[in-house]
Amino acid sequence: MYKLSGDTKKAQRLLADMKRLSKKSHVSSYIISLIYVGIEETERAVEWLQSAYEERPGWLVYMNVEPMFDTLRSNPRFAQLSSRIGLQFR
């Protein structure tokens, strides 16, 4: 991720590009949530994961083991979403 490599501006541009693209074609909310995690906006990341829940992407079943979501694990909304999906939260 650009933020992890120290390039926050590139990460912000990528996010803007993805949102712009989403107006023309489908862009997974799961992917956008990963970008928000990368720029350390955890609340926005959880919001986009909740949107992803509505989309039902296959990747969502891995959210409890996805290392990029490690910073979200202590978020109560993340735990609630995990339970709603039927994933065991640890």
N, C-alpha and C. Protein backbone atom coordinates (compact mmCIF):
# COMPACT_ATOMS: atom_id res chain seq x y z
N MET A 1 0.85 -1.17 0.00
CA MET A 1 0.00 0.00 0.00
C MET A 1 0.90 1.24 0.00
N TYR A 2 0.40 2.28 -0.66
CA TYR A 2 1.19 3.50 -0.77
C TYR A 2 1.48 4.12 0.59
N LYS A 3 0.52 4.14 1.47
CA LYS A 3 0.73 4.73 2.79
C LYS A 3 1.82 3.95 3.53
N LEU A 4 1.75 2.65 3.44
CA LEU A 4 2.75 1.83 4.13
C LEU A 4 4.14 2.07 3.58
N SER A 5 4.21 2.47 2.33
CA SER A 5 5.52 2.78 1.75
C SER A 5 5.89 4.24 1.97
N GLY A 6 5.02 4.98 2.69
CA GLY A 6 5.32 6.37 3.02
C GLY A 6 4.76 7.38 2.04
N ASP A 7 3.98 6.95 1.07
CA ASP A 7 3.44 7.87 0.07
C ASP A 7 1.95 8.09 0.28
N THR A 8 1.61 8.89 1.27
CA THR A 8 0.22 9.17 1.60
C THR A 8 -0.50 9.87 0.46
N LYS A 9 0.19 10.75 -0.23
CA LYS A 9 -0.45 11.48 -1.34
C LYS A 9 -0.89 10.53 -2.44
N LYS A 10 -0.06 9.55 -2.76
CA LYS A 10 -0.45 8.56 -3.78
C LYS A 10 -1.65 7.75 -3.31
N ALA A 11 -1.66 7.40 -2.03
CA ALA A 11 -2.78 6.64 -1.48
C ALA A 11 -4.06 7.46 -1.57
N GLN A 12 -3.98 8.74 -1.26
CA GLN A 12 -5.15 9.62 -1.35
C GLN A 12 -5.62 9.73 -2.80
N ARG A 13 -4.69 9.83 -3.74
CA ARG A 13 -5.06 9.90 -5.16
C ARG A 13 -5.72 8.61 -5.62
N LEU A 14 -5.17 7.48 -5.17
CA LEU A 14 -5.75 6.19 -5.51
C LEU A 14 -7.19 6.11 -5.00
N LEU A 15 -7.40 6.55 -3.78
CA LEU A 15 -8.74 6.54 -3.19
C LEU A 15 -9.69 7.41 -4.02
N ALA A 16 -9.26 8.60 -4.38
CA ALA A 16 -10.09 9.49 -5.19
C ALA A 16 -10.38 8.86 -6.55
N ASP A 17 -9.38 8.24 -7.15
CA ASP A 17 -9.58 7.56 -8.44
C ASP A 17 -10.59 6.43 -8.33
N MET A 18 -10.48 5.64 -7.27
CA MET A 18 -11.40 4.52 -7.08
C MET A 18 -12.84 5.02 -6.89
N LYS A 19 -13.01 6.08 -6.12
CA LYS A 19 -14.35 6.63 -5.91
C LYS A 19 -14.92 7.18 -7.22
N ARG A 20 -14.07 7.82 -8.00
CA ARG A 20 -14.50 8.35 -9.30
C ARG A 20 -14.90 7.20 -10.23
N LEU A 21 -14.08 6.16 -10.26
CA LEU A 21 -14.36 5.00 -11.08
C LEU A 21 -15.66 4.31 -10.65
N SER A 22 -15.94 4.33 -9.36
CA SER A 22 -17.13 3.65 -8.85
C SER A 22 -18.43 4.28 -9.35
N LYS A 23 -18.34 5.51 -9.85
CA LYS A 23 -19.53 6.16 -10.41
C LYS A 23 -19.84 5.64 -11.80
N LYS A 24 -18.85 5.01 -12.45
CA LYS A 24 -19.01 4.50 -13.81
C LYS A 24 -19.14 2.99 -13.85
N SER A 25 -18.46 2.31 -12.94
CA SER A 25 -18.52 0.85 -12.89
C SER A 25 -18.33 0.39 -11.44
N HIS A 26 -18.53 -0.90 -11.25
CA HIS A 26 -18.46 -1.43 -9.88
C HIS A 26 -17.02 -1.43 -9.36
N VAL A 27 -16.87 -0.89 -8.17
CA VAL A 27 -15.62 -0.97 -7.43
C VAL A 27 -16.00 -1.54 -6.07
N SER A 28 -15.36 -2.59 -5.67
CA SER A 28 -15.70 -3.25 -4.41
C SER A 28 -15.45 -2.34 -3.21
N SER A 29 -16.46 -2.26 -2.36
CA SER A 29 -16.31 -1.50 -1.11
C SER A 29 -15.24 -2.11 -0.23
N TYR A 30 -15.02 -3.40 -0.36
CA TYR A 30 -13.96 -4.09 0.38
C TYR A 30 -12.60 -3.50 0.03
N ILE A 31 -12.37 -3.27 -1.27
CA ILE A 31 -11.09 -2.70 -1.72
C ILE A 31 -10.93 -1.28 -1.19
N ILE A 32 -12.00 -0.50 -1.24
CA ILE A 32 -11.94 0.87 -0.73
C ILE A 32 -11.66 0.86 0.76
N SER A 33 -12.24 -0.11 1.48
CA SER A 33 -11.96 -0.19 2.92
C SER A 33 -10.48 -0.47 3.17
N LEU A 34 -9.86 -1.30 2.33
CA LEU A 34 -8.42 -1.57 2.47
C LEU A 34 -7.60 -0.30 2.28
N ILE A 35 -8.01 0.54 1.34
CA ILE A 35 -7.29 1.80 1.12
C ILE A 35 -7.42 2.70 2.35
N TYR A 36 -8.63 2.76 2.92
CA TYR A 36 -8.81 3.57 4.13
C TYR A 36 -7.97 3.05 5.29
N VAL A 37 -7.84 1.74 5.40
CA VAL A 37 -6.95 1.18 6.43
C VAL A 37 -5.53 1.66 6.18
N GLY A 38 -5.13 1.62 4.92
CA GLY A 38 -3.78 2.02 4.56
C GLY A 38 -3.45 3.46 4.88
N ILE A 39 -4.48 4.33 4.87
CA ILE A 39 -4.24 5.75 5.20
C ILE A 39 -4.67 6.05 6.64
N GLU A 40 -4.88 4.97 7.39
CA GLU A 40 -5.15 5.04 8.83
C GLU A 40 -6.44 5.78 9.17
N GLU A 41 -7.45 5.62 8.34
CA GLU A 41 -8.78 6.16 8.64
C GLU A 41 -9.68 4.97 8.97
N THR A 42 -9.53 4.49 10.21
CA THR A 42 -10.18 3.24 10.60
C THR A 42 -11.70 3.32 10.60
N GLU A 43 -12.26 4.43 11.03
CA GLU A 43 -13.72 4.55 11.05
C GLU A 43 -14.29 4.46 9.64
N ARG A 44 -13.64 5.13 8.70
CA ARG A 44 -14.08 5.08 7.30
C ARG A 44 -13.89 3.67 6.75
N ALA A 45 -12.83 3.01 7.15
CA ALA A 45 -12.59 1.63 6.70
C ALA A 45 -13.73 0.72 7.14
N VAL A 46 -14.17 0.86 8.38
CA VAL A 46 -15.26 0.03 8.89
C VAL A 46 -16.56 0.38 8.16
N GLU A 47 -16.80 1.65 7.89
CA GLU A 47 -17.99 2.05 7.14
C GLU A 47 -18.02 1.36 5.77
N TRP A 48 -16.89 1.34 5.10
CA TRP A 48 -16.82 0.71 3.77
C TRP A 48 -16.93 -0.80 3.88
N LEU A 49 -16.46 -1.39 4.96
CA LEU A 49 -16.66 -2.83 5.16
C LEU A 49 -18.14 -3.13 5.34
N GLN A 50 -18.84 -2.24 6.04
CA GLN A 50 -20.27 -2.44 6.20
C GLN A 50 -20.99 -2.33 4.85
N SER A 51 -20.52 -1.45 4.00
CA SER A 51 -21.07 -1.39 2.63
C SER A 51 -20.74 -2.66 1.87
N ALA A 52 -19.55 -3.18 2.09
CA ALA A 52 -19.15 -4.42 1.43
C ALA A 52 -20.07 -5.57 1.85
N TYR A 53 -20.50 -5.55 3.08
CA TYR A 53 -21.43 -6.58 3.58
C TYR A 53 -22.68 -6.62 2.71
N GLU A 54 -23.16 -5.45 2.31
CA GLU A 54 -24.34 -5.38 1.44
C GLU A 54 -24.04 -5.93 0.04
N GLU A 55 -22.81 -5.78 -0.41
CA GLU A 55 -22.41 -6.27 -1.74
C GLU A 55 -22.15 -7.77 -1.77
N ARG A 56 -21.80 -8.33 -0.62
CA ARG A 56 -21.51 -9.75 -0.47
C ARG A 56 -20.32 -10.25 -1.30
N PRO A 57 -19.20 -9.55 -1.26
CA PRO A 57 -18.04 -10.07 -2.01
C PRO A 57 -17.48 -11.31 -1.31
N GLY A 58 -16.92 -12.19 -2.07
CA GLY A 58 -16.34 -13.40 -1.51
C GLY A 58 -15.21 -13.13 -0.53
N TRP A 59 -14.51 -12.03 -0.76
CA TRP A 59 -13.36 -11.70 0.10
C TRP A 59 -13.77 -11.41 1.54
N LEU A 60 -15.00 -11.04 1.75
CA LEU A 60 -15.44 -10.64 3.09
C LEU A 60 -15.25 -11.75 4.12
N VAL A 61 -15.31 -12.99 3.69
CA VAL A 61 -15.15 -14.10 4.64
C VAL A 61 -13.73 -14.18 5.20
N TYR A 62 -12.81 -13.45 4.61
CA TYR A 62 -11.43 -13.45 5.08
C TYR A 62 -11.09 -12.24 5.95
N MET A 63 -12.06 -11.40 6.24
CA MET A 63 -11.75 -10.16 6.94
C MET A 63 -11.14 -10.40 8.33
N ASN A 64 -11.49 -11.51 8.97
CA ASN A 64 -10.93 -11.79 10.30
C ASN A 64 -9.49 -12.26 10.27
N VAL A 65 -9.01 -12.66 9.10
CA VAL A 65 -7.62 -13.12 9.00
C VAL A 65 -6.78 -12.23 8.08
N GLU A 66 -7.41 -11.25 7.45
CA GLU A 66 -6.68 -10.33 6.57
C GLU A 66 -5.77 -9.44 7.42
N PRO A 67 -4.45 -9.54 7.24
CA PRO A 67 -3.52 -8.74 8.05
C PRO A 67 -3.75 -7.23 7.94
N MET A 68 -4.21 -6.77 6.80
CA MET A 68 -4.45 -5.32 6.65
C MET A 68 -5.52 -4.82 7.63
N PHE A 69 -6.39 -5.70 8.09
CA PHE A 69 -7.45 -5.30 9.01
C PHE A 69 -7.06 -5.44 10.48
N ASP A 70 -5.81 -5.76 10.76
CA ASP A 70 -5.37 -5.92 12.15
C ASP A 70 -5.70 -4.70 13.00
N THR A 71 -5.58 -3.51 12.44
CA THR A 71 -5.84 -2.31 13.22
C THR A 71 -7.33 -2.11 13.51
N LEU A 72 -8.19 -2.86 12.84
CA LEU A 72 -9.63 -2.72 13.05
C LEU A 72 -10.18 -3.70 14.09
N ARG A 73 -9.40 -4.67 14.45
CA ARG A 73 -9.91 -5.75 15.31
C ARG A 73 -10.46 -5.28 16.65
N SER A 74 -9.95 -4.19 17.18
CA SER A 74 -10.44 -3.68 18.46
C SER A 74 -11.67 -2.78 18.30
N ASN A 75 -12.06 -2.51 17.07
CA ASN A 75 -13.22 -1.66 16.81
C ASN A 75 -14.50 -2.46 17.03
N PRO A 76 -15.39 -2.00 17.92
CA PRO A 76 -16.63 -2.74 18.20
C PRO A 76 -17.50 -2.95 16.96
N ARG A 77 -17.51 -2.00 16.05
CA ARG A 77 -18.32 -2.15 14.84
C ARG A 77 -17.75 -3.25 13.93
N PHE A 78 -16.43 -3.39 13.94
CA PHE A 78 -15.79 -4.48 13.19
C PHE A 78 -16.23 -5.82 13.79
N ALA A 79 -16.21 -5.92 15.11
CA ALA A 79 -16.63 -7.15 15.80
C ALA A 79 -18.09 -7.46 15.51
N GLN A 80 -18.94 -6.45 15.53
CA GLN A 80 -20.37 -6.66 15.23
C GLN A 80 -20.56 -7.15 13.80
N LEU A 81 -19.84 -6.54 12.87
CA LEU A 81 -19.94 -6.96 11.48
C LEU A 81 -19.46 -8.40 11.31
N SER A 82 -18.38 -8.72 11.97
CA SER A 82 -17.85 -10.08 11.92
C SER A 82 -18.90 -11.09 12.40
N SER A 83 -19.56 -10.77 13.50
CA SER A 83 -20.60 -11.64 14.04
C SER A 83 -21.78 -11.74 13.08
N ARG A 84 -22.17 -10.63 12.51
CA ARG A 84 -23.30 -10.59 11.57
C ARG A 84 -23.02 -11.48 10.36
N ILE A 85 -21.77 -11.51 9.92
CA ILE A 85 -21.39 -12.33 8.78
C ILE A 85 -21.37 -13.82 9.19
N GLY A 86 -21.17 -14.05 10.48
CA GLY A 86 -21.10 -15.42 10.97
C GLY A 86 -19.67 -15.90 11.15
N LEU A 87 -18.76 -14.94 11.21
CA LEU A 87 -17.36 -15.29 11.43
C LEU A 87 -17.07 -15.30 12.92
N GLN A 88 -16.20 -16.17 13.31
CA GLN A 88 -15.81 -16.22 14.71
C GLN A 88 -14.79 -15.13 14.95
N PHE A 89 -15.09 -14.26 15.88
CA PHE A 89 -14.21 -13.13 16.18
C PHE A 89 -13.34 -13.48 17.36
N ARG A 90 -12.04 -13.24 17.22
CA ARG A 90 -11.11 -13.53 18.33
C ARG A 90 -10.43 -12.28 18.76
